[in-house]
């Protein structure tokens, strides 16, 4: 569903956001954790989508989503401020050229 909405682009705006909402709805329905695409992963994410679209190569896309899922399942917080603080600690809001994601697992999770 996520790739289909991204590929077809049925809406004037928000196709990527809607695609990720639909993907996360399916993941939650299956008892899985949601996937967050941190800003620091954006270039890899878009590049993997482009490669799948243009070359039909799904391996980079699957690896990217697997990496994002591994990161996302460790995100914690009972409120927005706590979660945002955790994401900042992990460098999730960095641009791709500013740094790398830090995988931090909390013992209070």
N, C-alpha and C. Protein backbone atom coordinates (compact mmCIF):
# COMPACT_ATOMS: atom_id res chain seq x y z
N UNK A 1 0.83 -1.20 0.00
CA UNK A 1 0.00 0.00 0.00
C UNK A 1 0.87 1.25 0.00
N UNK A 2 1.91 1.22 0.81
CA UNK A 2 2.77 2.39 0.92
C UNK A 2 3.43 2.72 -0.41
N UNK A 3 4.00 1.71 -1.06
CA UNK A 3 4.66 1.95 -2.34
C UNK A 3 3.65 2.33 -3.41
N UNK A 4 2.49 1.70 -3.40
CA UNK A 4 1.46 1.98 -4.41
C UNK A 4 1.04 3.44 -4.38
N UNK A 5 0.76 3.97 -3.20
CA UNK A 5 0.36 5.38 -3.10
C UNK A 5 1.51 6.28 -3.51
N UNK A 6 2.73 5.94 -3.11
CA UNK A 6 3.89 6.74 -3.50
C UNK A 6 4.09 6.72 -5.02
N UNK A 7 3.86 5.57 -5.62
CA UNK A 7 4.08 5.39 -7.06
C UNK A 7 2.99 6.06 -7.90
N UNK A 8 1.74 5.85 -7.54
CA UNK A 8 0.61 6.35 -8.34
C UNK A 8 0.40 7.85 -8.11
N UNK A 9 0.66 8.35 -6.91
CA UNK A 9 0.48 9.76 -6.57
C UNK A 9 -0.95 10.23 -6.87
N UNK A 10 -1.95 9.64 -6.21
CA UNK A 10 -3.33 9.98 -6.54
C UNK A 10 -3.80 11.35 -6.02
N UNK A 11 -3.06 11.96 -5.13
CA UNK A 11 -3.49 13.22 -4.52
C UNK A 11 -2.59 14.37 -4.95
N UNK A 12 -3.10 15.59 -4.88
CA UNK A 12 -2.30 16.76 -5.26
C UNK A 12 -1.17 17.00 -4.27
N UNK A 13 -1.40 16.68 -3.00
CA UNK A 13 -0.39 16.92 -1.97
C UNK A 13 -0.52 15.85 -0.91
N UNK A 14 0.58 15.55 -0.24
CA UNK A 14 0.54 14.64 0.89
C UNK A 14 0.61 13.16 0.57
N UNK A 15 0.97 12.81 -0.65
CA UNK A 15 1.02 11.40 -1.03
C UNK A 15 1.97 10.59 -0.14
N UNK A 16 3.15 11.12 0.13
CA UNK A 16 4.11 10.41 0.97
C UNK A 16 3.60 10.24 2.39
N UNK A 17 3.02 11.29 2.94
CA UNK A 17 2.49 11.20 4.31
C UNK A 17 1.34 10.20 4.38
N UNK A 18 0.45 10.25 3.41
CA UNK A 18 -0.68 9.31 3.40
C UNK A 18 -0.17 7.89 3.21
N UNK A 19 0.83 7.71 2.36
CA UNK A 19 1.40 6.37 2.14
C UNK A 19 1.98 5.82 3.44
N UNK A 20 2.68 6.66 4.20
CA UNK A 20 3.26 6.19 5.45
C UNK A 20 2.19 5.94 6.51
N UNK A 21 1.13 6.73 6.52
CA UNK A 21 0.01 6.48 7.45
C UNK A 21 -0.64 5.14 7.13
N UNK A 22 -0.87 4.88 5.85
CA UNK A 22 -1.48 3.60 5.45
C UNK A 22 -0.57 2.43 5.81
N UNK A 23 0.72 2.58 5.57
CA UNK A 23 1.68 1.53 5.93
C UNK A 23 1.63 1.26 7.42
N UNK A 24 1.64 2.32 8.22
CA UNK A 24 1.63 2.14 9.67
C UNK A 24 0.31 1.57 10.17
N UNK A 25 -0.79 1.89 9.52
CA UNK A 25 -2.08 1.29 9.90
C UNK A 25 -2.03 -0.21 9.69
N UNK A 26 -1.44 -0.65 8.59
CA UNK A 26 -1.30 -2.08 8.32
C UNK A 26 -0.36 -2.75 9.32
N UNK A 27 0.74 -2.08 9.65
CA UNK A 27 1.68 -2.64 10.63
C UNK A 27 1.03 -2.79 12.01
N UNK A 28 0.32 -1.77 12.44
CA UNK A 28 -0.36 -1.83 13.74
C UNK A 28 -1.40 -2.94 13.73
N UNK A 29 -2.14 -3.06 12.64
CA UNK A 29 -3.15 -4.11 12.51
C UNK A 29 -2.52 -5.51 12.62
N UNK A 30 -1.27 -5.64 12.17
CA UNK A 30 -0.57 -6.92 12.23
C UNK A 30 0.21 -7.10 13.54
N UNK A 31 0.07 -6.14 14.46
CA UNK A 31 0.75 -6.25 15.75
C UNK A 31 2.22 -5.86 15.70
N UNK A 32 2.64 -5.16 14.65
CA UNK A 32 4.03 -4.71 14.50
C UNK A 32 4.17 -3.25 14.95
N UNK A 33 5.41 -2.83 15.18
CA UNK A 33 5.63 -1.43 15.53
C UNK A 33 5.53 -0.58 14.26
N UNK A 34 5.19 0.67 14.45
CA UNK A 34 5.10 1.62 13.34
C UNK A 34 6.51 1.91 12.83
N UNK A 35 6.59 2.44 11.61
CA UNK A 35 7.87 2.84 11.04
C UNK A 35 7.90 4.36 10.92
N UNK A 36 8.95 4.93 11.48
CA UNK A 36 9.23 6.35 11.37
C UNK A 36 10.41 6.49 10.40
N UNK A 37 10.31 7.41 9.47
CA UNK A 37 11.44 7.70 8.59
C UNK A 37 12.11 8.96 9.14
N UNK A 38 13.20 8.81 9.90
CA UNK A 38 13.87 9.98 10.46
C UNK A 38 14.43 10.86 9.34
N UNK A 39 14.52 12.13 9.59
CA UNK A 39 15.07 13.07 8.60
C UNK A 39 16.42 12.60 8.09
N UNK A 40 17.25 12.08 8.97
CA UNK A 40 18.59 11.64 8.60
C UNK A 40 18.55 10.48 7.59
N UNK A 41 17.44 9.76 7.50
CA UNK A 41 17.27 8.67 6.52
C UNK A 41 16.58 9.11 5.24
N UNK A 42 16.12 10.36 5.16
CA UNK A 42 15.29 10.80 4.04
C UNK A 42 15.92 10.55 2.68
N UNK A 43 17.18 10.90 2.49
CA UNK A 43 17.83 10.70 1.19
C UNK A 43 17.89 9.22 0.81
N UNK A 44 18.22 8.37 1.78
CA UNK A 44 18.25 6.93 1.52
C UNK A 44 16.86 6.41 1.17
N UNK A 45 15.86 6.89 1.89
CA UNK A 45 14.48 6.48 1.68
C UNK A 45 14.00 6.86 0.27
N UNK A 46 14.20 8.11 -0.10
CA UNK A 46 13.76 8.58 -1.41
C UNK A 46 14.56 7.90 -2.52
N UNK A 47 15.86 7.72 -2.30
CA UNK A 47 16.68 7.02 -3.28
C UNK A 47 16.23 5.59 -3.51
N UNK A 48 15.86 4.90 -2.42
CA UNK A 48 15.39 3.52 -2.54
C UNK A 48 14.05 3.46 -3.28
N UNK A 49 13.16 4.42 -2.98
CA UNK A 49 11.88 4.49 -3.70
C UNK A 49 12.11 4.75 -5.19
N UNK A 50 13.02 5.67 -5.49
CA UNK A 50 13.33 5.99 -6.89
C UNK A 50 13.88 4.77 -7.62
N UNK A 51 14.77 4.06 -6.97
CA UNK A 51 15.37 2.89 -7.62
C UNK A 51 14.32 1.82 -7.89
N UNK A 52 13.40 1.64 -6.94
CA UNK A 52 12.32 0.68 -7.14
C UNK A 52 11.44 1.11 -8.31
N UNK A 53 11.12 2.39 -8.37
CA UNK A 53 10.28 2.91 -9.44
C UNK A 53 10.97 2.81 -10.81
N UNK A 54 12.20 3.26 -10.88
CA UNK A 54 12.88 3.37 -12.17
C UNK A 54 13.52 2.08 -12.66
N UNK A 55 13.97 1.24 -11.72
CA UNK A 55 14.71 0.05 -12.12
C UNK A 55 14.05 -1.24 -11.67
N UNK A 56 12.99 -1.13 -10.89
CA UNK A 56 12.31 -2.32 -10.41
C UNK A 56 13.12 -3.12 -9.40
N UNK A 57 14.12 -2.47 -8.81
CA UNK A 57 14.99 -3.14 -7.85
C UNK A 57 14.45 -2.89 -6.44
N UNK A 58 13.88 -3.91 -5.83
CA UNK A 58 13.25 -3.74 -4.52
C UNK A 58 14.21 -3.95 -3.35
N UNK A 59 15.40 -4.51 -3.59
CA UNK A 59 16.32 -4.79 -2.48
C UNK A 59 16.70 -3.55 -1.66
N UNK A 60 17.11 -2.43 -2.29
CA UNK A 60 17.45 -1.25 -1.49
C UNK A 60 16.24 -0.74 -0.68
N UNK A 61 15.06 -0.81 -1.25
CA UNK A 61 13.84 -0.37 -0.56
C UNK A 61 13.58 -1.25 0.66
N UNK A 62 13.69 -2.54 0.49
CA UNK A 62 13.44 -3.47 1.60
C UNK A 62 14.49 -3.26 2.70
N UNK A 63 15.74 -3.10 2.33
CA UNK A 63 16.79 -2.84 3.33
C UNK A 63 16.54 -1.53 4.06
N UNK A 64 16.14 -0.49 3.31
CA UNK A 64 15.87 0.80 3.93
C UNK A 64 14.72 0.70 4.93
N UNK A 65 13.64 0.05 4.52
CA UNK A 65 12.48 -0.08 5.41
C UNK A 65 12.81 -0.95 6.62
N UNK A 66 13.62 -1.97 6.42
CA UNK A 66 14.04 -2.82 7.53
C UNK A 66 14.87 -2.01 8.53
N UNK A 67 15.77 -1.17 8.01
CA UNK A 67 16.60 -0.32 8.88
C UNK A 67 15.73 0.69 9.64
N UNK A 68 14.78 1.30 8.95
CA UNK A 68 13.88 2.26 9.60
C UNK A 68 13.01 1.55 10.64
N UNK A 69 12.57 0.35 10.35
CA UNK A 69 11.75 -0.41 11.30
C UNK A 69 12.56 -0.76 12.54
N UNK A 70 13.81 -1.19 12.36
CA UNK A 70 14.67 -1.51 13.50
C UNK A 70 14.88 -0.29 14.39
N UNK A 71 15.05 0.88 13.78
CA UNK A 71 15.18 2.11 14.56
C UNK A 71 13.87 2.43 15.26
N UNK A 72 12.78 2.40 14.53
CA UNK A 72 11.48 2.84 15.03
C UNK A 72 10.96 2.02 16.20
N UNK A 73 11.26 0.72 16.21
CA UNK A 73 10.72 -0.11 17.28
C UNK A 73 11.37 0.20 18.63
N UNK A 74 12.45 0.98 18.63
CA UNK A 74 13.10 1.39 19.88
C UNK A 74 12.73 2.79 20.33
N UNK A 75 11.95 3.50 19.53
CA UNK A 75 11.54 4.86 19.91
C UNK A 75 10.53 4.74 21.05
N UNK A 76 10.73 5.53 22.07
CA UNK A 76 9.84 5.47 23.23
C UNK A 76 9.46 6.87 23.68
N UNK A 77 8.49 6.94 24.52
CA UNK A 77 8.06 8.20 25.13
C UNK A 77 6.58 8.16 25.41
N UNK A 78 6.22 8.69 26.57
CA UNK A 78 4.81 8.74 26.95
C UNK A 78 4.13 10.02 26.50
N UNK A 79 4.94 10.97 26.02
CA UNK A 79 4.36 12.22 25.51
C UNK A 79 5.28 12.76 24.42
N UNK A 80 4.79 13.77 23.75
CA UNK A 80 5.52 14.32 22.60
C UNK A 80 6.91 14.82 22.99
N UNK A 81 7.02 15.53 24.11
CA UNK A 81 8.31 16.09 24.51
C UNK A 81 9.34 15.00 24.79
N UNK A 82 8.91 13.94 25.47
CA UNK A 82 9.83 12.84 25.78
C UNK A 82 10.28 12.14 24.50
N UNK A 83 9.35 11.91 23.59
CA UNK A 83 9.68 11.24 22.34
C UNK A 83 10.59 12.13 21.48
N UNK A 84 10.27 13.41 21.40
CA UNK A 84 11.11 14.32 20.62
C UNK A 84 12.52 14.41 21.20
N UNK A 85 12.63 14.42 22.52
CA UNK A 85 13.94 14.45 23.15
C UNK A 85 14.74 13.20 22.79
N UNK A 86 14.09 12.04 22.82
CA UNK A 86 14.76 10.81 22.44
C UNK A 86 15.23 10.87 20.98
N UNK A 87 14.35 11.34 20.09
CA UNK A 87 14.70 11.42 18.66
C UNK A 87 15.87 12.38 18.44
N UNK A 88 15.89 13.49 19.18
CA UNK A 88 17.01 14.42 19.06
C UNK A 88 18.32 13.77 19.54
N UNK A 89 18.24 13.03 20.63
CA UNK A 89 19.42 12.33 21.15
C UNK A 89 19.97 11.35 20.12
N UNK A 90 19.09 10.76 19.31
CA UNK A 90 19.50 9.78 18.29
C UNK A 90 19.94 10.43 16.98
N UNK A 91 19.89 11.76 16.90
CA UNK A 91 20.23 12.50 15.67
C UNK A 91 19.18 12.31 14.57
N UNK A 92 17.98 11.94 14.92
CA UNK A 92 16.94 11.65 13.92
C UNK A 92 16.57 12.88 13.09
N UNK A 93 16.75 14.07 13.62
CA UNK A 93 16.37 15.29 12.90
C UNK A 93 17.51 15.88 12.08
N UNK A 94 18.68 15.25 12.12
CA UNK A 94 19.80 15.72 11.31
C UNK A 94 19.50 15.52 9.83
N UNK A 95 20.08 16.36 9.01
CA UNK A 95 20.06 16.12 7.57
C UNK A 95 21.06 15.00 7.30
N UNK A 96 20.92 14.36 6.16
CA UNK A 96 21.77 13.22 5.82
C UNK A 96 23.26 13.56 5.89
N UNK A 97 23.62 14.77 5.50
CA UNK A 97 25.03 15.16 5.47
C UNK A 97 25.55 15.68 6.82
N UNK A 98 24.68 15.74 7.83
CA UNK A 98 25.08 16.27 9.13
C UNK A 98 25.52 15.19 10.12
N UNK A 99 25.17 13.97 9.87
CA UNK A 99 25.55 12.92 10.81
C UNK A 99 24.80 11.64 10.54
N UNK A 100 24.95 10.71 11.45
CA UNK A 100 24.31 9.40 11.33
C UNK A 100 23.39 9.18 12.52
N UNK A 101 22.44 8.30 12.32
CA UNK A 101 21.49 7.95 13.38
C UNK A 101 22.24 7.19 14.48
N UNK A 102 21.89 7.47 15.71
CA UNK A 102 22.43 6.72 16.84
C UNK A 102 21.32 5.84 17.37
N UNK A 103 21.58 4.57 17.48
CA UNK A 103 20.58 3.63 18.02
C UNK A 103 20.77 3.58 19.52
N UNK A 104 19.82 4.13 20.25
CA UNK A 104 19.90 4.17 21.70
C UNK A 104 18.72 3.38 22.24
N UNK A 105 18.99 2.41 23.07
CA UNK A 105 17.94 1.62 23.68
C UNK A 105 17.88 1.99 25.15
N UNK A 106 16.72 2.41 25.59
CA UNK A 106 16.54 2.85 26.98
C UNK A 106 16.20 1.66 27.87
N UNK A 107 16.72 1.67 29.05
CA UNK A 107 16.37 0.63 30.01
C UNK A 107 15.02 0.92 30.66
N UNK A 108 14.49 2.14 30.45
CA UNK A 108 13.20 2.50 31.02
C UNK A 108 12.06 2.27 30.06
N UNK A 109 12.35 1.72 28.91
CA UNK A 109 11.35 1.50 27.87
C UNK A 109 10.30 0.52 28.28
